């Protein structure tokens, strides 16, 4: 899927990418039930989550749970600024 590829393809060290993908998958498992509906809506939510993971990750990211929680918080903050909580859909 496109969203997961955003995380996997980021410019980080392999160990950090592993933590990031695990955090992405864990975060999605936490919120997936909130995004039932059209495939476009689900993919938009996954892209928003990938962007959130990328926004909070650093080369020092070694804690999956901390990165997951940080990404979920970042995503929640973005949703508060969007109409109806709709995720941003990038090109």
PDB file of N, CA and C in Angstrom:
ATOM      1  N   UNK A   1       0.832  -1.190   0.000  1.00  0.00           N
ATOM      2  CA  UNK A   1       0.000   0.000   0.000  1.00  0.00           C
ATOM      3  C   UNK A   1       0.875   1.252   0.000  1.00  0.00           C
ATOM      4  N   UNK A   2       0.353   2.279  -0.566  1.00  0.00           N
ATOM      5  CA  UNK A   2       1.096   3.521  -0.733  1.00  0.00           C
ATOM      6  C   UNK A   2       1.545   4.132   0.601  1.00  0.00           C
ATOM      7  N   UNK A   3       0.682   4.113   1.600  1.00  0.00           N
ATOM      8  CA  UNK A   3       1.015   4.733   2.882  1.00  0.00           C
ATOM      9  C   UNK A   3       2.197   4.038   3.550  1.00  0.00           C
ATOM     10  N   UNK A   4       2.178   2.731   3.570  1.00  0.00           N
ATOM     11  CA  UNK A   4       3.279   1.988   4.202  1.00  0.00           C
ATOM     12  C   UNK A   4       4.577   2.213   3.427  1.00  0.00           C
ATOM     13  N   UNK A   5       4.485   2.319   2.116  1.00  0.00           N
ATOM     14  CA  UNK A   5       5.669   2.578   1.301  1.00  0.00           C
ATOM     15  C   UNK A   5       6.289   3.936   1.618  1.00  0.00           C
ATOM     16  N   UNK A   6       5.459   4.903   2.015  1.00  0.00           N
ATOM     17  CA  UNK A   6       5.991   6.207   2.417  1.00  0.00           C
ATOM     18  C   UNK A   6       6.937   6.041   3.597  1.00  0.00           C
ATOM     19  N   UNK A   7       6.567   5.177   4.534  1.00  0.00           N
ATOM     20  CA  UNK A   7       7.386   4.950   5.726  1.00  0.00           C
ATOM     21  C   UNK A   7       8.611   4.129   5.357  1.00  0.00           C
ATOM     22  N   UNK A   8       8.403   3.031   4.654  1.00  0.00           N
ATOM     23  CA  UNK A   8       9.499   2.132   4.290  1.00  0.00           C
ATOM     24  C   UNK A   8      10.532   2.837   3.413  1.00  0.00           C
ATOM     25  N   UNK A   9      10.087   3.744   2.570  1.00  0.00           N
ATOM     26  CA  UNK A   9      10.986   4.424   1.649  1.00  0.00           C
ATOM     27  C   UNK A   9      11.640   5.674   2.206  1.00  0.00           C
ATOM     28  N   UNK A  10      11.403   5.980   3.472  1.00  0.00           N
ATOM     29  CA  UNK A  10      11.989   7.186   4.065  1.00  0.00           C
ATOM     30  C   UNK A  10      13.505   7.032   4.209  1.00  0.00           C
ATOM     31  N   UNK A  11      14.190   8.150   4.294  1.00  0.00           N
ATOM     32  CA  UNK A  11      15.654   8.158   4.388  1.00  0.00           C
ATOM     33  C   UNK A  11      16.114   8.072   5.836  1.00  0.00           C
ATOM     34  N   UNK A  12      16.073   6.870   6.372  1.00  0.00           N
ATOM     35  CA  UNK A  12      16.526   6.594   7.731  1.00  0.00           C
ATOM     36  C   UNK A  12      17.370   5.331   7.698  1.00  0.00           C
ATOM     37  N   UNK A  13      18.104   5.112   8.762  1.00  0.00           N
ATOM     38  CA  UNK A  13      18.896   3.900   8.904  1.00  0.00           C
ATOM     39  C   UNK A  13      17.961   2.689   8.990  1.00  0.00           C
ATOM     40  N   UNK A  14      18.415   1.509   8.584  1.00  0.00           N
ATOM     41  CA  UNK A  14      17.563   0.316   8.584  1.00  0.00           C
ATOM     42  C   UNK A  14      16.909   0.012   9.936  1.00  0.00           C
ATOM     43  N   UNK A  15      17.645   0.160  11.024  1.00  0.00           N
ATOM     44  CA  UNK A  15      17.060  -0.106  12.347  1.00  0.00           C
ATOM     45  C   UNK A  15      15.932   0.869  12.660  1.00  0.00           C
ATOM     46  N   UNK A  16      16.113   2.115  12.272  1.00  0.00           N
ATOM     47  CA  UNK A  16      15.087   3.127  12.505  1.00  0.00           C
ATOM     48  C   UNK A  16      13.867   2.858  11.626  1.00  0.00           C
ATOM     49  N   UNK A  17      14.090   2.475  10.377  1.00  0.00           N
ATOM     50  CA  UNK A  17      12.977   2.138   9.486  1.00  0.00           C
ATOM     51  C   UNK A  17      12.158   0.976  10.038  1.00  0.00           C
ATOM     52  N   UNK A  18      12.834   0.004  10.641  1.00  0.00           N
ATOM     53  CA  UNK A  18      12.132  -1.131  11.235  1.00  0.00           C
ATOM     54  C   UNK A  18      11.226  -0.651  12.363  1.00  0.00           C
ATOM     55  N   UNK A  19      11.731   0.211  13.218  1.00  0.00           N
ATOM     56  CA  UNK A  19      10.935   0.764  14.315  1.00  0.00           C
ATOM     57  C   UNK A  19       9.760   1.570  13.753  1.00  0.00           C
ATOM     58  N   UNK A  20      10.027   2.348  12.720  1.00  0.00           N
ATOM     59  CA  UNK A  20       8.983   3.176  12.123  1.00  0.00           C
ATOM     60  C   UNK A  20       7.866   2.326  11.515  1.00  0.00           C
ATOM     61  N   UNK A  21       8.225   1.257  10.805  1.00  0.00           N
ATOM     62  CA  UNK A  21       7.190   0.423  10.196  1.00  0.00           C
ATOM     63  C   UNK A  21       6.402  -0.329  11.265  1.00  0.00           C
ATOM     64  N   UNK A  22       7.073  -0.769  12.303  1.00  0.00           N
ATOM     65  CA  UNK A  22       6.372  -1.431  13.404  1.00  0.00           C
ATOM     66  C   UNK A  22       5.427  -0.445  14.095  1.00  0.00           C
ATOM     67  N   UNK A  23       5.876   0.789  14.289  1.00  0.00           N
ATOM     68  CA  UNK A  23       5.032   1.810  14.915  1.00  0.00           C
ATOM     69  C   UNK A  23       3.836   2.135  14.024  1.00  0.00           C
ATOM     70  N   UNK A  24       4.061   2.247  12.724  1.00  0.00           N
ATOM     71  CA  UNK A  24       2.970   2.498  11.779  1.00  0.00           C
ATOM     72  C   UNK A  24       1.938   1.381  11.868  1.00  0.00           C
ATOM     73  N   UNK A  25       2.391   0.133  11.788  1.00  0.00           N
ATOM     74  CA  UNK A  25       1.472  -1.008  11.824  1.00  0.00           C
ATOM     75  C   UNK A  25       0.713  -1.067  13.148  1.00  0.00           C
ATOM     76  N   UNK A  26       1.410  -0.815  14.258  1.00  0.00           N
ATOM     77  CA  UNK A  26       0.759  -0.842  15.572  1.00  0.00           C
ATOM     78  C   UNK A  26      -0.249   0.293  15.709  1.00  0.00           C
ATOM     79  N   UNK A  27       0.105   1.467  15.216  1.00  0.00           N
ATOM     80  CA  UNK A  27      -0.815   2.607  15.279  1.00  0.00           C
ATOM     81  C   UNK A  27      -2.045   2.339  14.424  1.00  0.00           C
ATOM     82  N   UNK A  28      -1.838   1.792  13.227  1.00  0.00           N
ATOM     83  CA  UNK A  28      -2.982   1.510  12.363  1.00  0.00           C
ATOM     84  C   UNK A  28      -3.900   0.480  13.014  1.00  0.00           C
ATOM     85  N   UNK A  29      -3.327  -0.541  13.638  1.00  0.00           N
ATOM     86  CA  UNK A  29      -4.147  -1.555  14.319  1.00  0.00           C
ATOM     87  C   UNK A  29      -4.999  -0.910  15.419  1.00  0.00           C
ATOM     88  N   UNK A  30      -4.479   0.136  16.030  1.00  0.00           N
ATOM     89  CA  UNK A  30      -5.199   0.829  17.090  1.00  0.00           C
ATOM     90  C   UNK A  30      -6.386   1.624  16.555  1.00  0.00           C
ATOM     91  N   UNK A  31      -6.250   2.215  15.378  1.00  0.00           N
ATOM     92  CA  UNK A  31      -7.281   3.137  14.875  1.00  0.00           C
ATOM     93  C   UNK A  31      -8.048   2.639  13.661  1.00  0.00           C
ATOM     94  N   UNK A  32      -7.695   1.510  13.116  1.00  0.00           N
ATOM     95  CA  UNK A  32      -8.290   1.036  11.854  1.00  0.00           C
ATOM     96  C   UNK A  32      -9.812   0.978  11.907  1.00  0.00           C
ATOM     97  N   UNK A  33     -10.374   0.565  13.022  1.00  0.00           N
ATOM     98  CA  UNK A  33     -11.831   0.447  13.115  1.00  0.00           C
ATOM     99  C   UNK A  33     -12.540   1.791  13.030  1.00  0.00           C
ATOM    100  N   UNK A  34     -11.814   2.883  13.222  1.00  0.00           N
ATOM    101  CA  UNK A  34     -12.403   4.219  13.111  1.00  0.00           C
ATOM    102  C   UNK A  34     -12.555   4.656  11.657  1.00  0.00           C
ATOM    103  N   UNK A  35     -11.967   3.920  10.743  1.00  0.00           N
ATOM    104  CA  UNK A  35     -11.936   4.334   9.339  1.00  0.00           C
ATOM    105  C   UNK A  35     -12.534   3.275   8.430  1.00  0.00           C
ATOM    106  N   UNK A  36     -13.738   2.898   8.731  1.00  0.00           N
ATOM    107  CA  UNK A  36     -14.441   1.964   7.850  1.00  0.00           C
ATOM    108  C   UNK A  36     -15.180   2.781   6.809  1.00  0.00           C
ATOM    109  N   UNK A  37     -15.249   2.278   5.635  1.00  0.00           N
ATOM    110  CA  UNK A  37     -15.946   2.998   4.582  1.00  0.00           C
ATOM    111  C   UNK A  37     -15.303   2.761   3.242  1.00  0.00           C
ATOM    112  N   UNK A  38     -15.290   3.780   2.456  1.00  0.00           N
ATOM    113  CA  UNK A  38     -14.741   3.698   1.110  1.00  0.00           C
ATOM    114  C   UNK A  38     -13.233   3.493   1.155  1.00  0.00           C
ATOM    115  N   UNK A  39     -12.700   2.731   0.219  1.00  0.00           N
ATOM    116  CA  UNK A  39     -11.248   2.497   0.171  1.00  0.00           C
ATOM    117  C   UNK A  39     -10.447   3.798   0.113  1.00  0.00           C
ATOM    118  N   UNK A  40     -10.986   4.829  -0.538  1.00  0.00           N
ATOM    119  CA  UNK A  40     -10.277   6.108  -0.621  1.00  0.00           C
ATOM    120  C   UNK A  40     -10.132   6.744   0.763  1.00  0.00           C
ATOM    121  N   UNK A  41     -11.161   6.621   1.601  1.00  0.00           N
ATOM    122  CA  UNK A  41     -11.110   7.175   2.940  1.00  0.00           C
ATOM    123  C   UNK A  41     -10.100   6.416   3.802  1.00  0.00           C
ATOM    124  N   UNK A  42     -10.085   5.117   3.656  1.00  0.00           N
ATOM    125  CA  UNK A  42      -9.143   4.298   4.416  1.00  0.00           C
ATOM    126  C   UNK A  42      -7.711   4.640   4.010  1.00  0.00           C
ATOM    127  N   UNK A  43      -7.468   4.712   2.708  1.00  0.00           N
ATOM    128  CA  UNK A  43      -6.117   5.031   2.236  1.00  0.00           C
ATOM    129  C   UNK A  43      -5.705   6.440   2.659  1.00  0.00           C
ATOM    130  N   UNK A  44      -6.642   7.380   2.638  1.00  0.00           N
ATOM    131  CA  UNK A  44      -6.328   8.745   3.081  1.00  0.00           C
ATOM    132  C   UNK A  44      -5.947   8.753   4.555  1.00  0.00           C
ATOM    133  N   UNK A  45      -6.633   7.965   5.358  1.00  0.00           N
ATOM    134  CA  UNK A  45      -6.296   7.881   6.785  1.00  0.00           C
ATOM    135  C   UNK A  45      -4.928   7.239   6.967  1.00  0.00           C
ATOM    136  N   UNK A  46      -4.626   6.216   6.186  1.00  0.00           N
ATOM    137  CA  UNK A  46      -3.311   5.562   6.285  1.00  0.00           C
ATOM    138  C   UNK A  46      -2.204   6.517   5.848  1.00  0.00           C
ATOM    139  N   UNK A  47      -2.461   7.316   4.832  1.00  0.00           N
ATOM    140  CA  UNK A  47      -1.473   8.301   4.392  1.00  0.00           C
ATOM    141  C   UNK A  47      -1.265   9.354   5.477  1.00  0.00           C
ATOM    142  N   UNK A  48      -2.350   9.795   6.101  1.00  0.00           N
ATOM    143  CA  UNK A  48      -2.231  10.758   7.208  1.00  0.00           C
ATOM    144  C   UNK A  48      -1.409  10.161   8.338  1.00  0.00           C
ATOM    145  N   UNK A  49      -1.609   8.885   8.627  1.00  0.00           N
ATOM    146  CA  UNK A  49      -0.829   8.217   9.672  1.00  0.00           C
ATOM    147  C   UNK A  49       0.637   8.109   9.275  1.00  0.00           C
ATOM    148  N   UNK A  50       0.903   7.754   8.035  1.00  0.00           N
ATOM    149  CA  UNK A  50       2.295   7.673   7.565  1.00  0.00           C
ATOM    150  C   UNK A  50       2.977   9.028   7.690  1.00  0.00           C
ATOM    151  N   UNK A  51       2.264  10.089   7.312  1.00  0.00           N
ATOM    152  CA  UNK A  51       2.823  11.435   7.442  1.00  0.00           C
ATOM    153  C   UNK A  51       3.091  11.766   8.902  1.00  0.00           C
ATOM    154  N   UNK A  52       2.211  11.321   9.783  1.00  0.00           N
ATOM    155  CA  UNK A  52       2.400  11.563  11.220  1.00  0.00           C
ATOM    156  C   UNK A  52       3.627  10.813  11.740  1.00  0.00           C
ATOM    157  N   UNK A  53       3.792   9.567  11.325  1.00  0.00           N
ATOM    158  CA  UNK A  53       4.973   8.802  11.738  1.00  0.00           C
ATOM    159  C   UNK A  53       6.235   9.514  11.263  1.00  0.00           C
ATOM    160  N   UNK A  54       6.241   9.929  10.012  1.00  0.00           N
ATOM    161  CA  UNK A  54       7.407  10.611   9.461  1.00  0.00           C
ATOM    162  C   UNK A  54       7.674  11.938  10.170  1.00  0.00           C
ATOM    163  N   UNK A  55       6.622  12.602  10.618  1.00  0.00           N
ATOM    164  CA  UNK A  55       6.801  13.906  11.258  1.00  0.00           C
ATOM    165  C   UNK A  55       7.393  13.803  12.660  1.00  0.00           C
ATOM    166  N   UNK A  56       7.207  12.675  13.315  1.00  0.00           N
ATOM    167  CA  UNK A  56       7.722  12.543  14.684  1.00  0.00           C
ATOM    168  C   UNK A  56       8.959  11.657  14.782  1.00  0.00           C
ATOM    169  N   UNK A  57       9.302  10.968  13.722  1.00  0.00           N
ATOM    170  CA  UNK A  57      10.458  10.062  13.750  1.00  0.00           C
ATOM    171  C   UNK A  57      11.767  10.835  13.615  1.00  0.00           C
ATOM    172  N   UNK A  58      12.788  10.256  14.199  1.00  0.00           N
ATOM    173  CA  UNK A  58      14.152  10.754  14.040  1.00  0.00           C
ATOM    174  C   UNK A  58      15.077   9.546  14.029  1.00  0.00           C
ATOM    175  N   UNK A  59      16.330   9.770  13.701  1.00  0.00           N
ATOM    176  CA  UNK A  59      17.290   8.656  13.712  1.00  0.00           C
ATOM    177  C   UNK A  59      17.416   8.043  15.101  1.00  0.00           C
ATOM    178  N   UNK A  60      17.022   8.790  16.124  1.00  0.00           N
ATOM    179  CA  UNK A  60      17.083   8.291  17.494  1.00  0.00           C
ATOM    180  C   UNK A  60      15.853   7.482  17.881  1.00  0.00           C
ATOM    181  N   UNK A  61      14.895   7.341  16.991  1.00  0.00           N
ATOM    182  CA  UNK A  61      13.667   6.607  17.287  1.00  0.00           C
ATOM    183  C   UNK A  61      13.976   5.117  17.402  1.00  0.00           C
ATOM    184  N   UNK A  62      13.901   4.624  18.614  1.00  0.00           N
ATOM    185  CA  UNK A  62      14.179   3.208  18.869  1.00  0.00           C
ATOM    186  C   UNK A  62      13.041   2.528  19.615  1.00  0.00           C
ATOM    187  N   UNK A  63      12.071   3.308  20.102  1.00  0.00           N
ATOM    188  CA  UNK A  63      10.980   2.795  20.913  1.00  0.00           C
ATOM    189  C   UNK A  63       9.698   2.791  20.087  1.00  0.00           C
ATOM    190  N   UNK A  64       9.243   1.595  19.708  1.00  0.00           N
ATOM    191  CA  UNK A  64       8.058   1.459  18.858  1.00  0.00           C
ATOM    192  C   UNK A  64       6.846   2.099  19.524  1.00  0.00           C
ATOM    193  N   UNK A  65       6.633   1.813  20.792  1.00  0.00           N
ATOM    194  CA  UNK A  65       5.459   2.321  21.496  1.00  0.00           C
ATOM    195  C   UNK A  65       5.464   3.844  21.579  1.00  0.00           C
ATOM    196  N   UNK A  66       6.622   4.417  21.868  1.00  0.00           N
ATOM    197  CA  UNK A  66       6.721   5.877  21.942  1.00  0.00           C
ATOM    198  C   UNK A  66       6.465   6.514  20.583  1.00  0.00           C
ATOM    199  N   UNK A  67       7.008   5.927  19.537  1.00  0.00           N
ATOM    200  CA  UNK A  67       6.802   6.465  18.191  1.00  0.00           C
ATOM    201  C   UNK A  67       5.345   6.298  17.771  1.00  0.00           C
ATOM    202  N   UNK A  68       4.757   5.161  18.071  1.00  0.00           N
ATOM    203  CA  UNK A  68       3.338   4.936  17.779  1.00  0.00           C
ATOM    204  C   UNK A  68       2.489   6.006  18.456  1.00  0.00           C
ATOM    205  N   UNK A  69       2.707   6.218  19.752  1.00  0.00           N
ATOM    206  CA  UNK A  69       1.915   7.196  20.497  1.00  0.00           C
ATOM    207  C   UNK A  69       2.133   8.614  19.980  1.00  0.00           C
ATOM    208  N   UNK A  70       3.370   8.941  19.657  1.00  0.00           N
ATOM    209  CA  UNK A  70       3.666  10.263  19.106  1.00  0.00           C
ATOM    210  C   UNK A  70       2.976  10.484  17.768  1.00  0.00           C
ATOM    211  N   UNK A  71       2.969   9.450  16.927  1.00  0.00           N
ATOM    212  CA  UNK A  71       2.316   9.552  15.621  1.00  0.00           C
ATOM    213  C   UNK A  71       0.809   9.703  15.778  1.00  0.00           C
ATOM    214  N   UNK A  72       0.224   8.943  16.698  1.00  0.00           N
ATOM    215  CA  UNK A  72      -1.214   9.058  16.925  1.00  0.00           C
ATOM    216  C   UNK A  72      -1.578  10.448  17.448  1.00  0.00           C
ATOM    217  N   UNK A  73      -0.742  10.997  18.317  1.00  0.00           N
ATOM    218  CA  UNK A  73      -0.993  12.355  18.814  1.00  0.00           C
ATOM    219  C   UNK A  73      -0.868  13.375  17.688  1.00  0.00           C
ATOM    220  N   UNK A  74       0.154  13.227  16.855  1.00  0.00           N
ATOM    221  CA  UNK A  74       0.331  14.155  15.731  1.00  0.00           C
ATOM    222  C   UNK A  74      -0.840  14.055  14.766  1.00  0.00           C
ATOM    223  N   UNK A  75      -1.281  12.848  14.507  1.00  0.00           N
ATOM    224  CA  UNK A  75      -2.413  12.653  13.601  1.00  0.00           C
ATOM    225  C   UNK A  75      -3.672  13.283  14.192  1.00  0.00           C
ATOM    226  N   UNK A  76      -3.880  13.099  15.479  1.00  0.00           N
ATOM    227  CA  UNK A  76      -5.054  13.681  16.134  1.00  0.00           C
ATOM    228  C   UNK A  76      -5.018  15.205  16.057  1.00  0.00           C
ATOM    229  N   UNK A  77      -3.846  15.792  16.221  1.00  0.00           N
ATOM    230  CA  UNK A  77      -3.731  17.248  16.131  1.00  0.00           C
ATOM    231  C   UNK A  77      -4.070  17.725  14.719  1.00  0.00           C
ATOM    232  N   UNK A  78      -3.619  17.011  13.708  1.00  0.00           N
ATOM    233  CA  UNK A  78      -3.947  17.363  12.327  1.00  0.00           C
ATOM    234  C   UNK A  78      -5.442  17.258  12.074  1.00  0.00           C
ATOM    235  N   UNK A  79      -6.069  16.226  12.620  1.00  0.00           N
ATOM    236  CA  UNK A  79      -7.498  16.025  12.399  1.00  0.00           C
ATOM    237  C   UNK A  79      -8.314  17.155  13.003  1.00  0.00           C
ATOM    238  N   UNK A  80      -7.855  17.710  14.094  1.00  0.00           N
ATOM    239  CA  UNK A  80      -8.600  18.793  14.739  1.00  0.00           C
ATOM    240  C   UNK A  80      -8.653  20.038  13.870  1.00  0.00           C
ATOM    241  N   UNK A  81      -7.706  20.183  12.972  1.00  0.00           N
ATOM    242  CA  UNK A  81      -7.675  21.376  12.134  1.00  0.00           C
ATOM    243  C   UNK A  81      -8.353  21.172  10.785  1.00  0.00           C
ATOM    244  N   UNK A  82      -8.818  19.971  10.520  1.00  0.00           N
ATOM    245  CA  UNK A  82      -9.450  19.667   9.236  1.00  0.00           C
ATOM    246  C   UNK A  82     -10.972  19.608   9.393  1.00  0.00           C
ATOM    247  N   UNK A  83     -11.702  20.023   8.369  1.00  0.00           N
ATOM    248  CA  UNK A  83     -13.158  19.960   8.461  1.00  0.00           C
ATOM    249  C   UNK A  83     -13.639  18.516   8.607  1.00  0.00           C
ATOM    250  N   UNK A  84     -14.508  18.270   9.551  1.00  0.00           N
ATOM    251  CA  UNK A  84     -15.106  16.965   9.786  1.00  0.00           C
ATOM    252  C   UNK A  84     -14.077  15.882  10.121  1.00  0.00           C
ATOM    253  N   UNK A  85     -12.881  16.278  10.530  1.00  0.00           N
ATOM    254  CA  UNK A  85     -11.856  15.294  10.858  1.00  0.00           C
ATOM    255  C   UNK A  85     -11.365  14.502   9.665  1.00  0.00           C
ATOM    256  N   UNK A  86     -11.620  15.002   8.473  1.00  0.00           N
ATOM    257  CA  UNK A  86     -11.227  14.266   7.272  1.00  0.00           C
ATOM    258  C   UNK A  86      -9.713  14.331   7.081  1.00  0.00           C
ATOM    259  N   UNK A  87      -9.078  13.227   6.753  1.00  0.00           N
ATOM    260  CA  UNK A  87      -7.640  13.239   6.514  1.00  0.00           C
ATOM    261  C   UNK A  87      -7.298  13.985   5.235  1.00  0.00           C
ATOM    262  N   UNK A  88      -6.115  14.570   5.222  1.00  0.00           N
ATOM    263  CA  UNK A  88      -5.614  15.222   4.017  1.00  0.00           C
ATOM    264  C   UNK A  88      -5.298  14.158   2.977  1.00  0.00           C
ATOM    265  N   UNK A  89      -5.615  14.424   1.757  1.00  0.00           N
ATOM    266  CA  UNK A  89      -5.253  13.512   0.672  1.00  0.00           C
ATOM    267  C   UNK A  89      -4.206  14.216  -0.169  1.00  0.00           C
ATOM    268  N   UNK A  90      -2.999  13.647  -0.150  1.00  0.00           N
ATOM    269  CA  UNK A  90      -1.932  14.270  -0.948  1.00  0.00           C
ATOM    270  C   UNK A  90      -1.858  13.601  -2.308  1.00  0.00           C
ATOM    271  N   UNK A  91      -1.548  14.426  -3.317  1.00  0.00           N
ATOM    272  CA  UNK A  91      -1.402  14.050  -4.707  1.00  0.00           C
ATOM    273  C   UNK A  91      -1.297  12.651  -4.963  1.00  0.00           C
TER     274      UNK A  91
END
